Amino acid sequence: MNTFHVIGLMSGTSLDGVDLAYCSFTLDKGNWIYKILNTTTVEYNSDWIIQLSALNQASAPNFVAADHAYGSYLGQLVRNFVQKDNLRPDFVSSHGHTIFHQPGQHISWQLGHGAYIAAAANLPVVCDFRTLDIALGGQGAPLVPIGDKLLFHDYDFCLNLGGIANISFEQQSRRIAYDISACNMLLNALANELQLSYDQNGEIARSGNFNETLFQELNAPEYFSANFPKSLGKEWVDAHSLKTLQASPLSIPDKLHTACHHIAFQISESLKTVGKANKNLKMLVTGGGAFNTFLVELIRQYAGESMEVAVPEPELVSFKEALIFAFLGVLRWRNEINCLSSVTGASKDNVGGAIFLA
């Protein structure tokens, strides 16, 4: 089979909901061609938000029960999606929802057991993409770069502005990728203090003022100067960036404004570190943060005139990660490499993912 129809599932650290993307992938003369055929986002209700937020403190029996219940929930979302639009997927490819990501301790757990997804959706499921890489000494992250390499090779850089901002690019014929800084995890947490889900278009941030002291404090952690491979988890963000913001006496608009500068600055520092000589560079920007026009303006400002910052159509902005996790499932189904050691630090490239047949 040269064409696959797959539903990709993605739940990000921002806890805004589950993205479902029904996609096709065709291998044509050695090149992969994708189409996003249908999409939807299902927002979490308050019960799921509370439960997912607190699971890192749960007892072992409660954790396992939640893993199964969340898998059933994802499977039912898939079933509803398929029935509503009469879709015909070959299988489901699920990232799950990250509860733990502590690469220094070789721990990463994505909630949503594949067996329960398969049972509820009545479809085969590919999931658990990170564990093999961690067993091989890698960080199990980031996983998206193989998709960037094979589906978005027309861009010099692929920047994702999700809960965490991460970047991928080619360097000396090797794919490099890493987490840059917290992004929407910070901005949404601040907006939540105003009883808002997020800062629409970054307008509240735009209305604030820049604070040099807070800016320097946000940029202070050693992580930012550490060499890649490296990745961030919620635990690190809570203990550093969010803690710094919460300790600041500034107004929420000023915190948002300064946090946007921090994110854009760290992105520009990453671009400088790469040191590409070519002055005509192009960067694809996706993820929820790409809708924050103030943040994107700052990224353009910090990146400079030599960098074209390209924000694509809204569907790709919102569903690129779900698309790529669908693609990771295709590679796993074909028993082809879907996790790059140049990105994760593992001892070798690997074919990550468990398969559950319905």
Protein backbone atom coordinates (compact mmCIF):
# COMPACT_ATOMS: atom_id res chain seq x y z
CA MET A 1 0.00 0.00 0.00
CA ASN A 2 1.39 3.43 -0.99
CA THR A 3 -1.48 5.50 0.43
CA PHE A 4 -2.52 5.46 4.07
CA HIS A 5 -5.52 7.12 5.70
CA VAL A 6 -4.86 7.79 9.37
CA ILE A 7 -6.41 9.70 12.26
CA GLY A 8 -3.74 11.49 14.28
CA LEU A 9 -4.49 12.38 17.92
CA MET A 10 -2.67 15.08 19.83
CA SER A 11 -3.15 16.57 23.29
CA GLY A 12 -0.70 19.31 24.18
CA THR A 13 0.66 20.56 27.47
CA SER A 14 -1.67 23.58 27.30
CA LEU A 15 -4.66 21.35 28.21
CA ASP A 16 -6.86 23.06 25.63
CA GLY A 17 -8.25 19.81 24.22
CA VAL A 18 -7.69 16.90 21.85
CA ASP A 19 -6.86 17.56 18.20
CA LEU A 20 -8.04 14.94 15.70
CA ALA A 21 -6.76 15.08 12.12
CA TYR A 22 -7.85 12.66 9.39
CA CYS A 23 -4.98 12.64 6.91
CA SER A 24 -3.76 10.80 3.83
CA PHE A 25 -0.12 10.01 3.11
CA THR A 26 1.07 8.85 -0.30
CA LEU A 27 4.59 7.73 -1.16
CA ASP A 28 5.32 8.96 -4.68
CA LYS A 29 8.76 8.36 -6.21
CA GLY A 30 10.44 8.44 -2.82
CA ASN A 31 8.63 11.55 -1.58
CA TRP A 32 5.79 11.65 0.93
CA ILE A 33 2.76 13.75 0.00
CA TYR A 34 0.21 14.57 2.70
CA LYS A 35 -3.32 15.91 2.73
CA ILE A 36 -5.32 17.03 5.77
CA LEU A 37 -8.81 15.79 4.90
CA ASN A 38 -10.82 16.51 8.04
CA THR A 39 -10.14 17.96 11.47
CA THR A 40 -11.76 18.74 14.78
CA THR A 41 -10.74 19.81 18.26
CA VAL A 42 -12.62 18.58 21.31
CA GLU A 43 -12.11 20.84 24.31
CA TYR A 44 -11.63 19.23 27.70
CA ASN A 45 -14.41 19.69 30.21
CA SER A 46 -13.50 20.89 33.69
CA ASP A 47 -13.40 17.33 35.08
CA TRP A 48 -10.73 16.24 32.62
CA ILE A 49 -8.70 19.41 33.14
CA ILE A 50 -8.69 18.87 36.90
CA GLN A 51 -7.87 15.18 36.59
CA LEU A 52 -5.08 15.58 34.02
CA SER A 53 -3.54 18.45 35.98
CA ALA A 54 -3.39 16.41 39.20
CA LEU A 55 -2.37 12.98 37.87
CA ASN A 56 1.33 13.47 38.54
CA GLN A 57 0.42 13.18 42.24
CA ALA A 58 -1.97 10.21 41.89
CA SER A 59 -1.58 6.82 43.54
CA ALA A 60 -0.52 3.92 41.32
CA PRO A 61 -4.02 2.34 41.13
CA ASN A 62 -5.64 5.69 40.34
CA PHE A 63 -3.00 6.42 37.72
CA VAL A 64 -3.57 3.11 35.94
CA ALA A 65 -7.34 3.60 36.09
CA ALA A 66 -6.96 7.07 34.55
CA ASP A 67 -4.70 5.68 31.81
CA HIS A 68 -7.43 3.21 30.87
CA ALA A 69 -10.30 5.71 31.21
CA TYR A 70 -8.49 8.32 29.10
CA GLY A 71 -7.76 5.69 26.45
CA SER A 72 -11.45 4.83 26.31
CA TYR A 73 -12.27 8.54 26.09
CA LEU A 74 -9.89 9.02 23.14
CA GLY A 75 -11.32 5.95 21.44
CA GLN A 76 -14.85 7.31 21.79
CA LEU A 77 -13.75 10.66 20.35
CA VAL A 78 -12.35 8.79 17.35
CA ARG A 79 -15.53 6.75 16.98
CA ASN A 80 -17.68 9.91 17.02
CA PHE A 81 -15.35 11.62 14.52
CA VAL A 82 -15.48 8.64 12.13
CA GLN A 83 -19.25 8.22 12.34
CA LYS A 84 -20.07 11.92 11.99
CA ASP A 85 -18.21 12.33 8.70
CA ASN A 86 -18.23 8.71 7.47
CA LEU A 87 -14.43 8.48 7.52
CA ARG A 88 -12.48 5.37 6.55
CA PRO A 89 -9.17 5.36 8.43
CA ASP A 90 -6.74 2.46 8.24
CA PHE A 91 -5.71 3.06 11.83
CA VAL A 92 -5.34 5.63 14.62
CA SER A 93 -2.02 7.14 15.69
CA SER A 94 -2.08 8.63 19.18
CA HIS A 95 0.46 10.75 21.01
CA GLY A 96 -1.52 10.68 24.27
CA HIS A 97 -1.36 13.33 26.97
CA THR A 98 2.00 13.81 28.66
CA ILE A 99 1.84 13.45 32.44
CA PHE A 100 5.56 13.04 33.13
CA HIS A 101 8.53 14.05 31.02
CA GLN A 102 11.74 13.89 33.04
CA PRO A 103 14.45 12.86 30.57
CA GLY A 104 17.19 13.17 33.18
CA GLN A 105 15.49 10.35 35.09
CA HIS A 106 14.59 8.41 31.92
CA ILE A 107 10.88 8.93 32.57
CA SER A 108 8.21 9.98 30.09
CA TRP A 109 4.58 8.91 30.20
CA GLN A 110 1.81 9.71 27.77
CA LEU A 111 -1.65 8.90 29.12
CA GLY A 112 -4.19 6.97 27.05
CA HIS A 113 -3.60 3.22 26.80
CA GLY A 114 -3.63 2.05 23.19
CA ALA A 115 -5.59 -1.11 23.97
CA TYR A 116 -8.45 0.96 25.34
CA ILE A 117 -8.35 3.36 22.38
CA ALA A 118 -8.50 0.38 19.99
CA ALA A 119 -11.36 -1.24 21.90
CA ALA A 120 -13.46 1.93 22.00
CA ALA A 121 -12.72 3.02 18.42
CA ASN A 122 -12.78 -0.50 16.93
CA LEU A 123 -9.68 0.42 14.94
CA PRO A 124 -5.99 -0.53 15.09
CA VAL A 125 -3.92 1.93 17.14
CA VAL A 126 -0.27 3.00 17.07
CA CYS A 127 0.91 4.71 20.26
CA ASP A 128 3.71 4.88 22.88
CA PHE A 129 6.24 6.45 20.54
CA ARG A 130 8.77 7.52 23.17
CA THR A 131 9.61 4.48 25.30
CA LEU A 132 11.97 2.66 22.93
CA ASP A 133 14.02 5.80 22.39
CA ILE A 134 14.35 6.29 26.16
CA ALA A 135 15.38 2.63 26.54
CA LEU A 136 18.11 3.36 23.96
CA GLY A 137 19.45 6.22 26.09
CA GLY A 138 17.56 9.05 24.37
CA GLN A 139 15.22 11.69 25.72
CA GLY A 140 12.21 10.32 23.86
CA ALA A 141 11.71 13.82 22.50
CA PRO A 142 11.19 15.68 20.33
CA LEU A 143 9.38 13.35 17.94
CA VAL A 144 8.05 15.78 15.34
CA PRO A 145 11.39 16.39 13.51
CA ILE A 146 11.17 13.30 11.29
CA GLY A 147 7.87 14.72 10.00
CA ASP A 148 9.46 18.13 9.50
CA LYS A 149 12.28 16.47 7.56
CA LEU A 150 10.09 14.37 5.27
CA LEU A 151 6.97 16.55 4.89
CA PHE A 152 8.22 20.15 5.28
CA HIS A 153 11.71 20.06 3.75
CA ASP A 154 11.04 23.30 1.83
CA TYR A 155 11.61 25.25 5.07
CA ASP A 156 14.98 25.91 6.71
CA PHE A 157 13.40 25.85 10.17
CA CYS A 158 10.16 24.48 11.60
CA LEU A 159 9.06 26.29 14.76
CA ASN A 160 6.18 25.01 16.87
CA LEU A 161 4.59 27.43 19.33
CA GLY A 162 2.66 25.03 21.53
CA GLY A 163 2.70 24.72 25.29
CA ILE A 164 6.44 24.56 24.75
CA ALA A 165 8.25 26.24 21.83
CA ASN A 166 10.45 23.85 19.88
CA ILE A 167 12.42 24.02 16.67
CA SER A 168 13.87 21.64 14.10
CA PHE A 169 16.29 22.13 11.22
CA GLU A 170 18.92 20.39 9.10
CA GLN A 171 22.57 20.81 10.06
CA GLN A 172 25.36 19.05 8.18
CA SER A 173 22.88 16.51 6.78
CA ARG A 174 21.55 15.68 10.27
CA ARG A 175 18.20 16.71 11.68
CA ILE A 176 18.55 18.75 14.86
CA ALA A 177 15.64 19.64 17.12
CA TYR A 178 15.02 20.64 20.70
CA ASP A 179 12.71 22.49 23.06
CA ILE A 180 13.55 26.20 23.25
CA SER A 181 11.39 27.47 26.09
CA ALA A 182 7.93 27.38 27.59
CA CYS A 183 5.41 29.20 25.39
CA ASN A 184 1.62 28.85 25.70
CA MET A 185 2.04 27.17 29.08
CA LEU A 186 3.19 30.56 30.35
CA LEU A 187 0.88 32.79 28.36
CA ASN A 188 -2.26 30.74 29.05
CA ALA A 189 -1.46 30.47 32.77
CA LEU A 190 -1.27 34.26 32.95
CA ALA A 191 -4.49 34.66 30.94
CA ASN A 192 -6.18 32.19 33.32
CA GLU A 193 -5.53 34.66 36.15
CA LEU A 194 -7.86 37.03 34.29
CA GLN A 195 -10.44 34.23 33.91
CA LEU A 196 -9.56 33.86 30.23
CA SER A 197 -8.52 30.67 28.42
CA TYR A 198 -5.89 32.57 26.44
CA ASP A 199 -4.84 36.05 25.37
CA GLN A 200 -6.59 36.43 22.01
CA ASN A 201 -4.20 37.74 19.36
CA GLY A 202 -1.85 38.74 22.19
CA GLU A 203 -3.83 41.95 22.72
CA ILE A 204 -3.41 41.98 26.51
CA ALA A 205 0.31 41.35 26.11
CA ARG A 206 0.50 44.18 23.58
CA SER A 207 -1.12 46.55 26.09
CA GLY A 208 1.51 45.82 28.74
CA ASN A 209 4.98 47.21 29.33
CA PHE A 210 8.39 45.59 29.07
CA ASN A 211 10.19 44.92 32.35
CA GLU A 212 13.94 44.37 32.13
CA THR A 213 14.26 42.74 35.56
CA LEU A 214 11.62 40.09 34.84
CA PHE A 215 13.06 39.57 31.36
CA GLN A 216 16.50 38.81 32.80
CA GLU A 217 15.02 36.50 35.45
CA LEU A 218 13.11 34.52 32.83
CA ASN A 219 16.27 34.15 30.75
CA ALA A 220 18.48 33.14 33.70
CA PRO A 221 18.06 29.30 33.90
CA GLU A 222 21.04 27.27 32.70
CA TYR A 223 18.79 25.25 30.38
CA PHE A 224 18.84 28.04 27.81
CA SER A 225 22.62 27.88 27.37
CA ALA A 226 22.81 24.06 27.49
CA ASN A 227 23.71 22.20 24.32
CA PHE A 228 21.18 20.04 22.51
CA PRO A 229 19.79 17.39 22.62
CA LYS A 230 17.54 18.78 25.31
CA SER A 231 13.83 18.82 26.08
CA LEU A 232 11.47 20.38 28.59
CA GLY A 233 8.62 19.02 30.66
CA LYS A 234 5.83 20.60 32.67
CA GLU A 235 7.81 19.92 35.85
CA TRP A 236 10.68 22.15 34.70
CA VAL A 237 8.36 24.91 33.50
CA ASP A 238 6.46 24.93 36.80
CA ALA A 239 9.68 25.08 38.84
CA HIS A 240 11.38 27.80 36.77
CA SER A 241 9.47 29.99 34.30
CA LEU A 242 6.04 29.86 35.95
CA LYS A 243 7.54 30.23 39.41
CA THR A 244 9.39 33.36 38.26
CA LEU A 245 6.22 34.87 36.80
CA GLN A 246 4.15 34.05 39.87
CA ALA A 247 6.73 35.68 42.15
CA SER A 248 6.70 38.92 40.17
CA PRO A 249 4.57 41.80 41.55
CA LEU A 250 3.93 43.16 38.05
CA SER A 251 0.48 43.41 36.46
CA ILE A 252 -0.72 40.57 34.24
CA PRO A 253 -0.41 42.69 31.05
CA ASP A 254 3.20 43.54 31.93
CA LYS A 255 3.98 39.89 32.68
CA LEU A 256 2.42 38.79 29.39
CA HIS A 257 4.27 41.47 27.45
CA THR A 258 7.62 40.55 28.99
CA ALA A 259 7.01 36.80 28.66
CA CYS A 260 6.40 37.27 24.92
CA HIS A 261 9.72 39.10 24.65
CA HIS A 262 11.40 36.25 26.56
CA ILE A 263 9.99 33.62 24.17
CA ALA A 264 10.91 35.60 21.03
CA PHE A 265 14.39 36.32 22.41
CA GLN A 266 15.08 32.66 23.16
CA ILE A 267 13.91 31.70 19.66
CA SER A 268 16.29 34.27 18.15
CA GLU A 269 19.15 32.96 20.32
CA SER A 270 18.49 29.46 18.97
CA LEU A 271 18.63 30.78 15.41
CA LYS A 272 21.94 32.53 16.14
CA THR A 273 23.41 29.36 17.62
CA VAL A 274 22.75 27.51 14.37
CA GLY A 275 24.74 30.15 12.51
CA LYS A 276 23.53 29.39 8.99
CA ALA A 277 25.40 31.55 6.49
CA ASN A 278 22.52 31.77 4.03
CA LYS A 279 20.80 35.14 4.37
CA ASN A 280 17.57 34.06 2.69
CA LEU A 281 16.07 31.72 5.26
CA LYS A 282 12.49 30.60 5.74
CA MET A 283 10.88 29.45 8.98
CA LEU A 284 7.49 27.70 9.20
CA VAL A 285 5.61 28.72 12.35
CA THR A 286 2.73 26.58 13.63
CA GLY A 287 1.00 25.75 16.92
CA GLY A 288 -1.49 27.83 18.88
CA GLY A 289 1.05 30.57 19.53
CA ALA A 290 1.11 31.34 15.80
CA PHE A 291 -2.32 32.96 16.30
CA ASN A 292 -0.76 35.36 18.84
CA THR A 293 -0.03 38.20 16.44
CA PHE A 294 1.94 40.17 19.05
CA LEU A 295 4.24 37.21 19.72
CA VAL A 296 4.75 36.58 15.99
CA GLU A 297 5.60 40.26 15.46
CA LEU A 298 8.24 39.99 18.19
CA ILE A 299 9.65 36.80 16.66
CA ARG A 300 10.02 38.62 13.33
CA GLN A 301 11.63 41.58 15.10
CA TYR A 302 14.15 39.49 17.01
CA ALA A 303 14.89 37.17 14.05
CA GLY A 304 15.79 40.03 11.73
CA GLU A 305 15.15 40.78 8.07
CA SER A 306 17.10 37.78 6.74
CA MET A 307 14.49 35.38 8.15
CA GLU A 308 11.10 34.97 6.49
CA VAL A 309 8.67 34.00 9.25
CA ALA A 310 5.89 32.08 7.48
CA VAL A 311 2.56 31.45 9.21
CA PRO A 312 0.52 29.07 7.00
CA GLU A 313 -3.24 28.56 6.73
CA PRO A 314 -5.05 28.16 10.08
CA GLU A 315 -5.73 24.43 9.64
CA LEU A 316 -2.02 23.60 9.35
CA VAL A 317 -1.19 25.98 12.20
CA SER A 318 -3.59 24.13 14.48
CA PHE A 319 -3.20 20.55 13.33
CA LYS A 320 0.43 20.14 12.24
CA GLU A 321 1.32 18.08 15.32
CA ALA A 322 -1.70 15.79 14.90
CA LEU A 323 -0.75 15.45 11.22
CA ILE A 324 2.81 14.48 12.08
CA PHE A 325 1.79 11.99 14.74
CA ALA A 326 -0.44 10.39 12.11
CA PHE A 327 2.67 10.24 9.91
CA LEU A 328 4.80 8.73 12.71
CA GLY A 329 2.18 5.99 12.87
CA VAL A 330 2.56 5.37 9.13
CA LEU A 331 6.32 5.00 9.50
CA ARG A 332 5.84 2.62 12.44
CA TRP A 333 3.28 0.63 10.44
CA ARG A 334 5.85 0.29 7.64
CA ASN A 335 8.59 -0.55 10.17
CA GLU A 336 10.61 2.51 9.13
CA ILE A 337 12.64 4.86 11.32
CA ASN A 338 10.46 7.49 13.00
CA CYS A 339 12.74 8.67 15.82
CA LEU A 340 16.10 10.29 15.10
CA SER A 341 19.06 9.82 17.43
CA SER A 342 20.53 13.13 16.20
CA VAL A 343 17.55 14.78 17.88
CA THR A 344 17.02 12.68 21.00
CA GLY A 345 20.54 11.55 21.88
CA ALA A 346 19.64 7.84 21.68
CA SER A 347 22.30 5.29 20.75
CA LYS A 348 20.69 4.78 17.35
CA ASP A 349 17.77 5.81 15.16
CA ASN A 350 14.74 3.72 16.02
CA VAL A 351 11.24 2.62 15.06
CA GLY A 352 9.14 3.71 18.02
CA GLY A 353 5.57 2.80 18.80
CA ALA A 354 3.35 -0.02 20.03
CA ILE A 355 0.58 -1.42 17.85
CA PHE A 356 -2.78 -2.63 19.17
CA LEU A 357 -5.08 -4.38 16.73
CA ALA A 358 -8.81 -3.93 17.25
